[in-house]
C-alpha atoms as a PDB file:
ATOM      1  CA  UNK A   1     122.149 -58.708  72.597  1.00  0.00           C
ATOM      2  CA  UNK A   2     123.104 -57.599  69.079  1.00  0.00           C
ATOM      3  CA  UNK A   3     120.342 -58.549  66.650  1.00  0.00           C
ATOM      4  CA  UNK A   4     120.198 -58.848  62.873  1.00  0.00           C
ATOM      5  CA  UNK A   5     117.926 -55.832  62.926  1.00  0.00           C
ATOM      6  CA  UNK A   6     120.710 -53.807  64.548  1.00  0.00           C
ATOM      7  CA  UNK A   7     123.136 -54.951  61.878  1.00  0.00           C
ATOM      8  CA  UNK A   8     120.773 -54.144  59.001  1.00  0.00           C
ATOM      9  CA  UNK A   9     120.059 -50.666  60.325  1.00  0.00           C
ATOM     10  CA  UNK A  10     123.719 -49.947  60.941  1.00  0.00           C
ATOM     11  CA  UNK A  11     124.826 -51.135  57.490  1.00  0.00           C
ATOM     12  CA  UNK A  12     122.137 -48.907  55.959  1.00  0.00           C
ATOM     13  CA  UNK A  13     123.519 -45.948  57.904  1.00  0.00           C
ATOM     14  CA  UNK A  14     127.063 -46.836  56.855  1.00  0.00           C
ATOM     15  CA  UNK A  15     125.974 -46.998  53.232  1.00  0.00           C
ATOM     16  CA  UNK A  16     123.938 -43.787  53.089  1.00  0.00           C
ATOM     17  CA  UNK A  17     125.933 -41.694  55.561  1.00  0.00           C
ATOM     18  CA  UNK A  18     122.728 -39.962  56.607  1.00  0.00           C
ATOM     19  CA  UNK A  19     120.140 -40.894  59.234  1.00  0.00           C
ATOM     20  CA  UNK A  20     117.198 -39.686  57.165  1.00  0.00           C
ATOM     21  CA  UNK A  21     118.134 -41.548  53.991  1.00  0.00           C
ATOM     22  CA  UNK A  22     119.051 -44.678  55.947  1.00  0.00           C
ATOM     23  CA  UNK A  23     115.724 -44.583  57.789  1.00  0.00           C
ATOM     24  CA  UNK A  24     113.873 -44.210  54.489  1.00  0.00           C
ATOM     25  CA  UNK A  25     115.755 -47.190  53.034  1.00  0.00           C
ATOM     26  CA  UNK A  26     114.830 -49.254  56.094  1.00  0.00           C
ATOM     27  CA  UNK A  27     111.199 -48.061  56.030  1.00  0.00           C
ATOM     28  CA  UNK A  28     111.309 -46.759  59.618  1.00  0.00           C
ATOM     29  CA  UNK A  29     111.300 -43.302  61.163  1.00  0.00           C
ATOM     30  CA  UNK A  30     114.537 -41.400  61.690  1.00  0.00           C
ATOM     31  CA  UNK A  31     114.120 -41.312  65.522  1.00  0.00           C
ATOM     32  CA  UNK A  32     113.555 -45.076  65.541  1.00  0.00           C
ATOM     33  CA  UNK A  33     116.716 -45.648  63.515  1.00  0.00           C
ATOM     34  CA  UNK A  34     118.708 -43.350  65.793  1.00  0.00           C
ATOM     35  CA  UNK A  35     117.463 -45.271  68.828  1.00  0.00           C
ATOM     36  CA  UNK A  36     118.497 -48.594  67.268  1.00  0.00           C
ATOM     37  CA  UNK A  37     122.000 -47.283  66.551  1.00  0.00           C
ATOM     38  CA  UNK A  38     122.313 -46.033  70.127  1.00  0.00           C
ATOM     39  CA  UNK A  39     121.223 -49.432  71.429  1.00  0.00           C
ATOM     40  CA  UNK A  40     123.854 -51.083  69.226  1.00  0.00           C
ATOM     41  CA  UNK A  41     126.563 -48.758  70.501  1.00  0.00           C
ATOM     42  CA  UNK A  42     125.509 -49.535  74.067  1.00  0.00           C
ATOM     43  CA  UNK A  43     125.857 -53.239  73.306  1.00  0.00           C
ATOM     44  CA  UNK A  44     129.311 -52.682  71.794  1.00  0.00           C
ATOM     45  CA  UNK A  45     130.404 -50.332  74.553  1.00  0.00           C
ATOM     46  CA  UNK A  46     131.897 -47.773  72.182  1.00  0.00           C
ATOM     47  CA  UNK A  47     130.675 -45.236  69.601  1.00  0.00           C
ATOM     48  CA  UNK A  48     130.328 -46.393  66.019  1.00  0.00           C
ATOM     49  CA  UNK A  49     129.234 -43.074  64.513  1.00  0.00           C
ATOM     50  CA  UNK A  50     130.496 -39.494  64.780  1.00  0.00           C
ATOM     51  CA  UNK A  51     127.352 -37.384  64.961  1.00  0.00           C
ATOM     52  CA  UNK A  52     127.428 -33.867  63.614  1.00  0.00           C
ATOM     53  CA  UNK A  53     126.449 -31.952  60.531  1.00  0.00           C
ATOM     54  CA  UNK A  54     127.840 -34.867  58.543  1.00  0.00           C
ATOM     55  CA  UNK A  55     127.744 -38.480  59.665  1.00  0.00           C
ATOM     56  CA  UNK A  56     131.069 -40.305  59.807  1.00  0.00           C
ATOM     57  CA  UNK A  57     131.926 -43.752  61.037  1.00  0.00           C
ATOM     58  CA  UNK A  58     134.484 -44.077  63.767  1.00  0.00           C
ATOM     59  CA  UNK A  59     137.445 -46.395  63.055  1.00  0.00           C
ATOM     60  CA  UNK A  60     135.584 -49.046  65.043  1.00  0.00           C
ATOM     61  CA  UNK A  61     132.416 -48.286  63.080  1.00  0.00           C
ATOM     62  CA  UNK A  62     134.244 -48.774  59.777  1.00  0.00           C
ATOM     63  CA  UNK A  63     135.589 -52.168  60.866  1.00  0.00           C
ATOM     64  CA  UNK A  64     132.204 -53.102  62.345  1.00  0.00           C
ATOM     65  CA  UNK A  65     130.424 -52.257  59.073  1.00  0.00           C
ATOM     66  CA  UNK A  66     132.646 -54.681  57.143  1.00  0.00           C
ATOM     67  CA  UNK A  67     131.897 -57.506  59.581  1.00  0.00           C
ATOM     68  CA  UNK A  68     128.188 -56.652  59.707  1.00  0.00           C
ATOM     69  CA  UNK A  69     127.843 -56.806  55.913  1.00  0.00           C
ATOM     70  CA  UNK A  70     129.595 -60.183  55.849  1.00  0.00           C
ATOM     71  CA  UNK A  71     127.266 -61.538  58.544  1.00  0.00           C
ATOM     72  CA  UNK A  72     124.156 -60.307  56.748  1.00  0.00           C
ATOM     73  CA  UNK A  73     125.361 -61.778  53.469  1.00  0.00           C
ATOM     74  CA  UNK A  74     125.922 -65.128  55.178  1.00  0.00           C
ATOM     75  CA  UNK A  75     122.424 -64.998  56.652  1.00  0.00           C
ATOM     76  CA  UNK A  76     120.939 -64.279  53.231  1.00  0.00           C
ATOM     77  CA  UNK A  77     122.859 -67.201  51.788  1.00  0.00           C
ATOM     78  CA  UNK A  78     121.492 -69.486  54.500  1.00  0.00           C
ATOM     79  CA  UNK A  79     118.020 -68.619  53.239  1.00  0.00           C
ATOM     80  CA  UNK A  80     119.203 -69.235  49.671  1.00  0.00           C
ATOM     81  CA  UNK A  81     120.515 -72.634  50.744  1.00  0.00           C
ATOM     82  CA  UNK A  82     117.004 -73.648  51.690  1.00  0.00           C
ATOM     83  CA  UNK A  83     115.660 -72.305  48.409  1.00  0.00           C
ATOM     84  CA  UNK A  84     118.319 -74.157  46.433  1.00  0.00           C
ATOM     85  CA  UNK A  85     116.935 -77.517  47.586  1.00  0.00           C
ATOM     86  CA  UNK A  86     113.491 -76.681  46.303  1.00  0.00           C
ATOM     87  CA  UNK A  87     112.255 -76.953  42.778  1.00  0.00           C
ATOM     88  CA  UNK A  88     111.028 -74.701  41.327  1.00  0.00           C
ATOM     89  CA  UNK A  89     112.742 -71.506  42.462  1.00  0.00           C
ATOM     90  CA  UNK A  90     110.588 -69.374  44.778  1.00  0.00           C
ATOM     91  CA  UNK A  91     110.992 -66.134  46.682  1.00  0.00           C
ATOM     92  CA  UNK A  92     112.890 -62.947  45.902  1.00  0.00           C
ATOM     93  CA  UNK A  93     115.443 -62.968  43.092  1.00  0.00           C
ATOM     94  CA  UNK A  94     117.472 -59.801  42.585  1.00  0.00           C
ATOM     95  CA  UNK A  95     118.901 -59.766  39.072  1.00  0.00           C
ATOM     96  CA  UNK A  96     120.911 -56.961  37.493  1.00  0.00           C
ATOM     97  CA  UNK A  97     121.695 -56.176  33.848  1.00  0.00           C
ATOM     98  CA  UNK A  98     123.921 -53.622  32.184  1.00  0.00           C
ATOM     99  CA  UNK A  99     122.144 -50.879  30.157  1.00  0.00           C
ATOM    100  CA  UNK A 100     123.379 -52.216  26.808  1.00  0.00           C
ATOM    101  CA  UNK A 101     121.611 -55.529  27.458  1.00  0.00           C
ATOM    102  CA  UNK A 102     118.602 -54.803  29.692  1.00  0.00           C
ATOM    103  CA  UNK A 103     116.294 -53.004  27.202  1.00  0.00           C
ATOM    104  CA  UNK A 104     116.615 -55.815  24.661  1.00  0.00           C
ATOM    105  CA  UNK A 105     116.600 -58.967  26.787  1.00  0.00           C
ATOM    106  CA  UNK A 106     115.218 -58.163  30.241  1.00  0.00           C
ATOM    107  CA  UNK A 107     111.478 -57.926  29.371  1.00  0.00           C
ATOM    108  CA  UNK A 108     111.499 -61.319  27.638  1.00  0.00           C
ATOM    109  CA  UNK A 109     113.594 -62.886  30.400  1.00  0.00           C
ATOM    110  CA  UNK A 110     111.199 -61.559  33.044  1.00  0.00           C
ATOM    111  CA  UNK A 111     108.267 -63.142  31.205  1.00  0.00           C
ATOM    112  CA  UNK A 112     110.106 -66.466  30.854  1.00  0.00           C
ATOM    113  CA  UNK A 113     111.027 -66.493  34.535  1.00  0.00           C
ATOM    114  CA  UNK A 114     107.438 -65.761  35.518  1.00  0.00           C
ATOM    115  CA  UNK A 115     106.193 -68.642  33.383  1.00  0.00           C
ATOM    116  CA  UNK A 116     108.812 -71.139  34.583  1.00  0.00           C
ATOM    117  CA  UNK A 117     108.856 -70.116  38.240  1.00  0.00           C
ATOM    118  CA  UNK A 118     105.378 -68.877  39.268  1.00  0.00           C
ATOM    119  CA  UNK A 119     106.482 -68.429  42.883  1.00  0.00           C
ATOM    120  CA  UNK A 120     109.358 -66.116  42.086  1.00  0.00           C
ATOM    121  CA  UNK A 121     109.438 -62.508  43.277  1.00  0.00           C
ATOM    122  CA  UNK A 122     111.629 -60.967  40.595  1.00  0.00           C
ATOM    123  CA  UNK A 123     113.422 -57.728  41.401  1.00  0.00           C
ATOM    124  CA  UNK A 124     115.312 -56.567  38.287  1.00  0.00           C
ATOM    125  CA  UNK A 125     117.771 -53.683  38.254  1.00  0.00           C
ATOM    126  CA  UNK A 126     119.603 -51.892  35.459  1.00  0.00           C
ATOM    127  CA  UNK A 127     122.991 -50.346  36.227  1.00  0.00           C
ATOM    128  CA  UNK A 128     126.524 -50.049  34.884  1.00  0.00           C
ATOM    129  CA  UNK A 129     128.929 -52.896  35.555  1.00  0.00           C
ATOM    130  CA  UNK A 130     130.781 -51.226  38.419  1.00  0.00           C
ATOM    131  CA  UNK A 131     127.552 -50.707  40.371  1.00  0.00           C
ATOM    132  CA  UNK A 132     126.305 -54.240  39.702  1.00  0.00           C
ATOM    133  CA  UNK A 133     129.581 -55.743  40.924  1.00  0.00           C
ATOM    134  CA  UNK A 134     129.457 -53.596  44.063  1.00  0.00           C
ATOM    135  CA  UNK A 135     125.885 -54.696  44.759  1.00  0.00           C
ATOM    136  CA  UNK A 136     126.789 -58.354  44.267  1.00  0.00           C
ATOM    137  CA  UNK A 137     129.602 -57.952  46.756  1.00  0.00           C
ATOM    138  CA  UNK A 138     127.361 -56.385  49.385  1.00  0.00           C
ATOM    139  CA  UNK A 139     124.524 -58.868  48.862  1.00  0.00           C
ATOM    140  CA  UNK A 140     122.097 -56.389  47.286  1.00  0.00           C
ATOM    141  CA  UNK A 141     122.008 -58.487  44.123  1.00  0.00           C
ATOM    142  CA  UNK A 142     121.938 -62.248  43.640  1.00  0.00           C
ATOM    143  CA  UNK A 143     123.095 -62.425  40.032  1.00  0.00           C
ATOM    144  CA  UNK A 144     123.980 -60.038  37.210  1.00  0.00           C
ATOM    145  CA  UNK A 145     124.250 -60.119  33.425  1.00  0.00           C
ATOM    146  CA  UNK A 146     127.363 -58.224  32.315  1.00  0.00           C
ATOM    147  CA  UNK A 147     130.147 -58.207  29.743  1.00  0.00           C
ATOM    148  CA  UNK A 148     132.919 -60.638  30.693  1.00  0.00           C
ATOM    149  CA  UNK A 149     135.448 -60.867  32.117  1.00  0.00           C
ATOM    150  CA  UNK A 150     134.970 -58.976  35.366  1.00  0.00           C
ATOM    151  CA  UNK A 151     137.908 -60.722  37.082  1.00  0.00           C
ATOM    152  CA  UNK A 152     136.595 -60.455  40.644  1.00  0.00           C
ATOM    153  CA  UNK A 153     138.007 -63.229  42.892  1.00  0.00           C
ATOM    154  CA  UNK A 154     134.764 -63.729  44.814  1.00  0.00           C
ATOM    155  CA  UNK A 155     132.528 -64.013  41.747  1.00  0.00           C
ATOM    156  CA  UNK A 156     131.715 -66.971  39.517  1.00  0.00           C
ATOM    157  CA  UNK A 157     131.637 -66.126  35.792  1.00  0.00           C
ATOM    158  CA  UNK A 158     129.342 -68.054  33.444  1.00  0.00           C
ATOM    159  CA  UNK A 159     129.692 -67.104  29.737  1.00  0.00           C
ATOM    160  CA  UNK A 160     126.456 -67.102  27.723  1.00  0.00           C
ATOM    161  CA  UNK A 161     127.119 -65.819  24.203  1.00  0.00           C
ATOM    162  CA  UNK A 162     129.315 -63.618  22.019  1.00  0.00           C
ATOM    163  CA  UNK A 163     127.976 -60.819  19.881  1.00  0.00           C
ATOM    164  CA  UNK A 164     129.455 -58.442  17.352  1.00  0.00           C
ATOM    165  CA  UNK A 165     129.484 -54.653  17.353  1.00  0.00           C
ATOM    166  CA  UNK A 166     127.613 -53.110  14.424  1.00  0.00           C
ATOM    167  CA  UNK A 167     128.558 -49.838  12.746  1.00  0.00           C
ATOM    168  CA  UNK A 168     125.771 -47.256  12.581  1.00  0.00           C
ATOM    169  CA  UNK A 169     126.265 -44.343  10.188  1.00  0.00           C
ATOM    170  CA  UNK A 170     124.079 -41.776   8.417  1.00  0.00           C
ATOM    171  CA  UNK A 171     121.791 -43.147   5.719  1.00  0.00           C
ATOM    172  CA  UNK A 172     123.627 -41.043   3.121  1.00  0.00           C
ATOM    173  CA  UNK A 173     126.778 -43.104   3.807  1.00  0.00           C
ATOM    174  CA  UNK A 174     125.187 -46.494   3.140  1.00  0.00           C
ATOM    175  CA  UNK A 175     126.985 -46.992  -0.194  1.00  0.00           C
ATOM    176  CA  UNK A 176     130.412 -45.954   1.065  1.00  0.00           C
ATOM    177  CA  UNK A 177     133.083 -48.552   1.901  1.00  0.00           C
ATOM    178  CA  UNK A 178     132.974 -49.833   5.456  1.00  0.00           C
ATOM    179  CA  UNK A 179     135.712 -48.047   7.413  1.00  0.00           C
ATOM    180  CA  UNK A 180     138.494 -49.915   9.182  1.00  0.00           C
ATOM    181  CA  UNK A 181     139.244 -49.444  12.864  1.00  0.00           C
ATOM    182  CA  UNK A 182     142.025 -47.028  11.874  1.00  0.00           C
ATOM    183  CA  UNK A 183     139.603 -44.999   9.759  1.00  0.00           C
ATOM    184  CA  UNK A 184     137.078 -44.913  12.619  1.00  0.00           C
ATOM    185  CA  UNK A 185     139.724 -43.377  14.807  1.00  0.00           C
ATOM    186  CA  UNK A 186     139.799 -40.380  12.463  1.00  0.00           C
ATOM    187  CA  UNK A 187     136.008 -40.013  12.298  1.00  0.00           C
ATOM    188  CA  UNK A 188     133.645 -38.305  14.701  1.00  0.00           C
ATOM    189  CA  UNK A 189     132.780 -41.219  16.962  1.00  0.00           C
ATOM    190  CA  UNK A 190     129.725 -41.094  19.210  1.00  0.00           C
ATOM    191  CA  UNK A 191     130.115 -43.074  22.425  1.00  0.00           C
ATOM    192  CA  UNK A 192     128.297 -43.776  25.651  1.00  0.00           C
ATOM    193  CA  UNK A 193     129.332 -41.603  28.571  1.00  0.00           C
ATOM    194  CA  UNK A 194     131.953 -42.611  31.126  1.00  0.00           C
ATOM    195  CA  UNK A 195     131.128 -45.651  33.239  1.00  0.00           C
ATOM    196  CA  UNK A 196     129.740 -47.874  30.481  1.00  0.00           C
ATOM    197  CA  UNK A 197     131.903 -50.889  29.667  1.00  0.00           C
ATOM    198  CA  UNK A 198     130.654 -50.802  26.055  1.00  0.00           C
ATOM    199  CA  UNK A 199     132.319 -47.415  25.677  1.00  0.00           C
ATOM    200  CA  UNK A 200     135.656 -48.865  26.748  1.00  0.00           C
ATOM    201  CA  UNK A 201     135.249 -51.810  24.364  1.00  0.00           C
ATOM    202  CA  UNK A 202     134.523 -49.481  21.433  1.00  0.00           C
ATOM    203  CA  UNK A 203     137.554 -47.341  22.244  1.00  0.00           C
ATOM    204  CA  UNK A 204     139.717 -50.449  22.475  1.00  0.00           C
ATOM    205  CA  UNK A 205     138.605 -51.600  19.013  1.00  0.00           C
ATOM    206  CA  UNK A 206     139.542 -48.214  17.577  1.00  0.00           C
ATOM    207  CA  UNK A 207     142.897 -48.366  19.415  1.00  0.00           C
ATOM    208  CA  UNK A 208     142.031 -45.210  21.317  1.00  0.00           C
ATOM    209  CA  UNK A 209     143.379 -45.268  24.858  1.00  0.00           C
ATOM    210  CA  UNK A 210     141.976 -41.813  25.504  1.00  0.00           C
ATOM    211  CA  UNK A 211     139.134 -39.957  23.837  1.00  0.00           C
ATOM    212  CA  UNK A 212     140.176 -37.018  21.637  1.00  0.00           C
ATOM    213  CA  UNK A 213     137.925 -34.193  22.735  1.00  0.00           C
ATOM    214  CA  UNK A 214     137.591 -32.675  19.269  1.00  0.00           C
ATOM    215  CA  UNK A 215     136.126 -35.891  17.862  1.00  0.00           C
ATOM    216  CA  UNK A 216     134.284 -37.413  20.787  1.00  0.00           C
ATOM    217  CA  UNK A 217     130.573 -36.972  21.364  1.00  0.00           C
ATOM    218  CA  UNK A 218     128.780 -38.693  24.217  1.00  0.00           C
ATOM    219  CA  UNK A 219     125.286 -39.948  24.920  1.00  0.00           C
ATOM    220  CA  UNK A 220     123.578 -41.505  27.903  1.00  0.00           C
ATOM    221  CA  UNK A 221     121.968 -44.354  25.937  1.00  0.00           C
ATOM    222  CA  UNK A 222     122.343 -46.282  22.698  1.00  0.00           C
ATOM    223  CA  UNK A 223     119.045 -44.816  21.532  1.00  0.00           C
ATOM    224  CA  UNK A 224     120.447 -41.298  21.910  1.00  0.00           C
ATOM    225  CA  UNK A 225     123.594 -42.216  19.995  1.00  0.00           C
ATOM    226  CA  UNK A 226     121.661 -43.702  17.080  1.00  0.00           C
ATOM    227  CA  UNK A 227     119.356 -40.696  16.835  1.00  0.00           C
ATOM    228  CA  UNK A 228     122.391 -38.386  16.841  1.00  0.00           C
ATOM    229  CA  UNK A 229     123.932 -40.398  14.016  1.00  0.00           C
ATOM    230  CA  UNK A 230     120.681 -39.941  12.108  1.00  0.00           C
ATOM    231  CA  UNK A 231     121.261 -36.182  12.097  1.00  0.00           C
ATOM    232  CA  UNK A 232     124.522 -36.735  10.247  1.00  0.00           C
ATOM    233  CA  UNK A 233     126.948 -35.606  12.944  1.00  0.00           C
ATOM    234  CA  UNK A 234     128.937 -38.809  13.336  1.00  0.00           C
ATOM    235  CA  UNK A 235     128.992 -42.591  13.546  1.00  0.00           C
ATOM    236  CA  UNK A 236     128.704 -45.055  16.403  1.00  0.00           C
ATOM    237  CA  UNK A 237     128.998 -48.714  17.325  1.00  0.00           C
ATOM    238  CA  UNK A 238     126.174 -50.640  18.984  1.00  0.00           C
ATOM    239  CA  UNK A 239     125.824 -54.282  20.056  1.00  0.00           C
ATOM    240  CA  UNK A 240     124.086 -56.511  17.539  1.00  0.00           C
ATOM    241  CA  UNK A 241     121.135 -57.170  19.870  1.00  0.00           C
ATOM    242  CA  UNK A 242     120.279 -53.455  19.816  1.00  0.00           C
ATOM    243  CA  UNK A 243     120.033 -53.076  16.027  1.00  0.00           C
ATOM    244  CA  UNK A 244     116.380 -54.027  15.544  1.00  0.00           C
ATOM    245  CA  UNK A 245     115.121 -51.834  18.383  1.00  0.00           C
ATOM    246  CA  UNK A 246     117.296 -48.765  17.877  1.00  0.00           C
ATOM    247  CA  UNK A 247     117.684 -48.320  14.119  1.00  0.00           C
ATOM    248  CA  UNK A 248     114.190 -49.090  12.825  1.00  0.00           C
ATOM    249  CA  UNK A 249     112.901 -45.515  13.004  1.00  0.00           C
ATOM    250  CA  UNK A 250     116.205 -43.677  12.664  1.00  0.00           C
ATOM    251  CA  UNK A 251     117.628 -42.159   9.482  1.00  0.00           C
ATOM    252  CA  UNK A 252     120.678 -44.440   9.597  1.00  0.00           C
ATOM    253  CA  UNK A 253     122.304 -47.416   7.895  1.00  0.00           C
ATOM    254  CA  UNK A 254     124.164 -50.321   9.483  1.00  0.00           C
ATOM    255  CA  UNK A 255     127.158 -52.367   8.419  1.00  0.00           C
ATOM    256  CA  UNK A 256     129.317 -55.168   9.752  1.00  0.00           C
ATOM    257  CA  UNK A 257     132.928 -54.204  10.221  1.00  0.00           C
ATOM    258  CA  UNK A 258     135.790 -56.088   8.630  1.00  0.00           C
ATOM    259  CA  UNK A 259     137.933 -58.686  10.333  1.00  0.00           C
ATOM    260  CA  UNK A 260     138.901 -58.827  13.049  1.00  0.00           C
ATOM    261  CA  UNK A 261     135.338 -57.880  13.915  1.00  0.00           C
ATOM    262  CA  UNK A 262     134.831 -56.304  17.342  1.00  0.00           C
ATOM    263  CA  UNK A 263     132.731 -58.340  19.751  1.00  0.00           C
ATOM    264  CA  UNK A 264     132.010 -58.900  23.402  1.00  0.00           C
ATOM    265  CA  UNK A 265     131.158 -61.849  25.609  1.00  0.00           C
ATOM    266  CA  UNK A 266     127.997 -61.561  27.685  1.00  0.00           C
ATOM    267  CA  UNK A 267     127.650 -63.737  30.746  1.00  0.00           C
ATOM    268  CA  UNK A 268     126.278 -64.055  34.243  1.00  0.00           C
ATOM    269  CA  UNK A 269     128.145 -63.505  37.485  1.00  0.00           C
ATOM    270  CA  UNK A 270     127.248 -64.397  41.045  1.00  0.00           C
ATOM    271  CA  UNK A 271     128.990 -64.845  44.379  1.00  0.00           C
ATOM    272  CA  UNK A 272     130.859 -68.120  44.563  1.00  0.00           C
ATOM    273  CA  UNK A 273     129.286 -68.717  47.963  1.00  0.00           C
ATOM    274  CA  UNK A 274     125.715 -68.414  46.668  1.00  0.00           C
ATOM    275  CA  UNK A 275     124.041 -71.862  46.756  1.00  0.00           C
ATOM    276  CA  UNK A 276     121.613 -70.988  43.946  1.00  0.00           C
ATOM    277  CA  UNK A 277     124.217 -71.594  41.229  1.00  0.00           C
ATOM    278  CA  UNK A 278     122.204 -74.357  39.519  1.00  0.00           C
ATOM    279  CA  UNK A 279     119.204 -72.055  39.240  1.00  0.00           C
ATOM    280  CA  UNK A 280     121.402 -69.275  37.872  1.00  0.00           C
ATOM    281  CA  UNK A 281     122.614 -71.614  35.138  1.00  0.00           C
ATOM    282  CA  UNK A 282     118.958 -72.271  34.217  1.00  0.00           C
ATOM    283  CA  UNK A 283     118.294 -68.539  34.082  1.00  0.00           C
ATOM    284  CA  UNK A 284     121.392 -68.129  31.945  1.00  0.00           C
ATOM    285  CA  UNK A 285     119.947 -70.607  29.459  1.00  0.00           C
ATOM    286  CA  UNK A 286     116.853 -68.410  29.193  1.00  0.00           C
ATOM    287  CA  UNK A 287     118.974 -65.310  28.562  1.00  0.00           C
ATOM    288  CA  UNK A 288     120.929 -67.200  25.887  1.00  0.00           C
ATOM    289  CA  UNK A 289     117.694 -68.363  24.216  1.00  0.00           C
ATOM    290  CA  UNK A 290     116.288 -64.840  24.075  1.00  0.00           C
ATOM    291  CA  UNK A 291     119.494 -63.521  22.559  1.00  0.00           C
ATOM    292  CA  UNK A 292     119.380 -66.265  19.919  1.00  0.00           C
ATOM    293  CA  UNK A 293     115.822 -65.228  19.070  1.00  0.00           C
ATOM    294  CA  UNK A 294     116.915 -61.627  18.561  1.00  0.00           C
ATOM    295  CA  UNK A 295     119.912 -62.709  16.492  1.00  0.00           C
ATOM    296  CA  UNK A 296     117.729 -64.852  14.230  1.00  0.00           C
ATOM    297  CA  UNK A 297     115.265 -62.003  13.766  1.00  0.00           C
ATOM    298  CA  UNK A 298     118.102 -59.703  12.723  1.00  0.00           C
ATOM    299  CA  UNK A 299     119.446 -62.278  10.258  1.00  0.00           C
ATOM    300  CA  UNK A 300     115.995 -62.639   8.683  1.00  0.00           C
ATOM    301  CA  UNK A 301     115.484 -58.889   8.317  1.00  0.00           C
ATOM    302  CA  UNK A 302     116.199 -57.323   4.876  1.00  0.00           C
ATOM    303  CA  UNK A 303     119.527 -55.508   4.597  1.00  0.00           C
ATOM    304  CA  UNK A 304     119.304 -51.737   4.676  1.00  0.00           C
END
């Protein structure tokens, strides 16, 4: 009989494409994993995996993997259904955040969740939007905090707040007029590397569909970008929530851009089939509260 254990081991193999890595992810030995896959194939009556130097799924294995993931997701949601009837929330909660939000809100949100739900086993993850959406779809995450919209048919979107983009420029430029979006397009603009949605939003504000190589400089984090600006080699845009953390010790100045000011909407997304929606709304309220606290702190800070 095909068991859930068979399905979990096979989906791990399908994901990693390697017996060793799949076995490590499942916390079992490689021979044990191989035996489980062979047992599954015996139950099916046909091979699911092409074994060789590289592991490939057979056409049947590819179709089987899709069904197996759907079954496992449904099983996880059955467990969530039981949790949704309880109050307070208990058990594992896998929450993801994009890198331009996580450093500024996640620590406070984790503390709030621990205080409000003592029985929760929080498992946070930071990743770019594409990865978070993939993990929601495969059931590796329960909920994620991202920039909206994501426009995925199977996901529920729950807006939380809007925030502006702030211009960061060298301290020597603090008395200069604030550049327009057209002027920014002609300046040396420092951006996050490919894969970050904030990069795409900044390019859109500057009406740049592609990045001119002579002017573009990239960084892997907002902190890196701000420190690079401090050396005088360019300017950048950062979300308002990052200002207090990233600019305090850098040799930079900040300014609000003119209308129409660039902004983004931050919200939560989860699978429409997940029965924990009411709890996710509660968590969203906590994220919104922490953002408001940061915003108020920024408003109270002296202008640079």
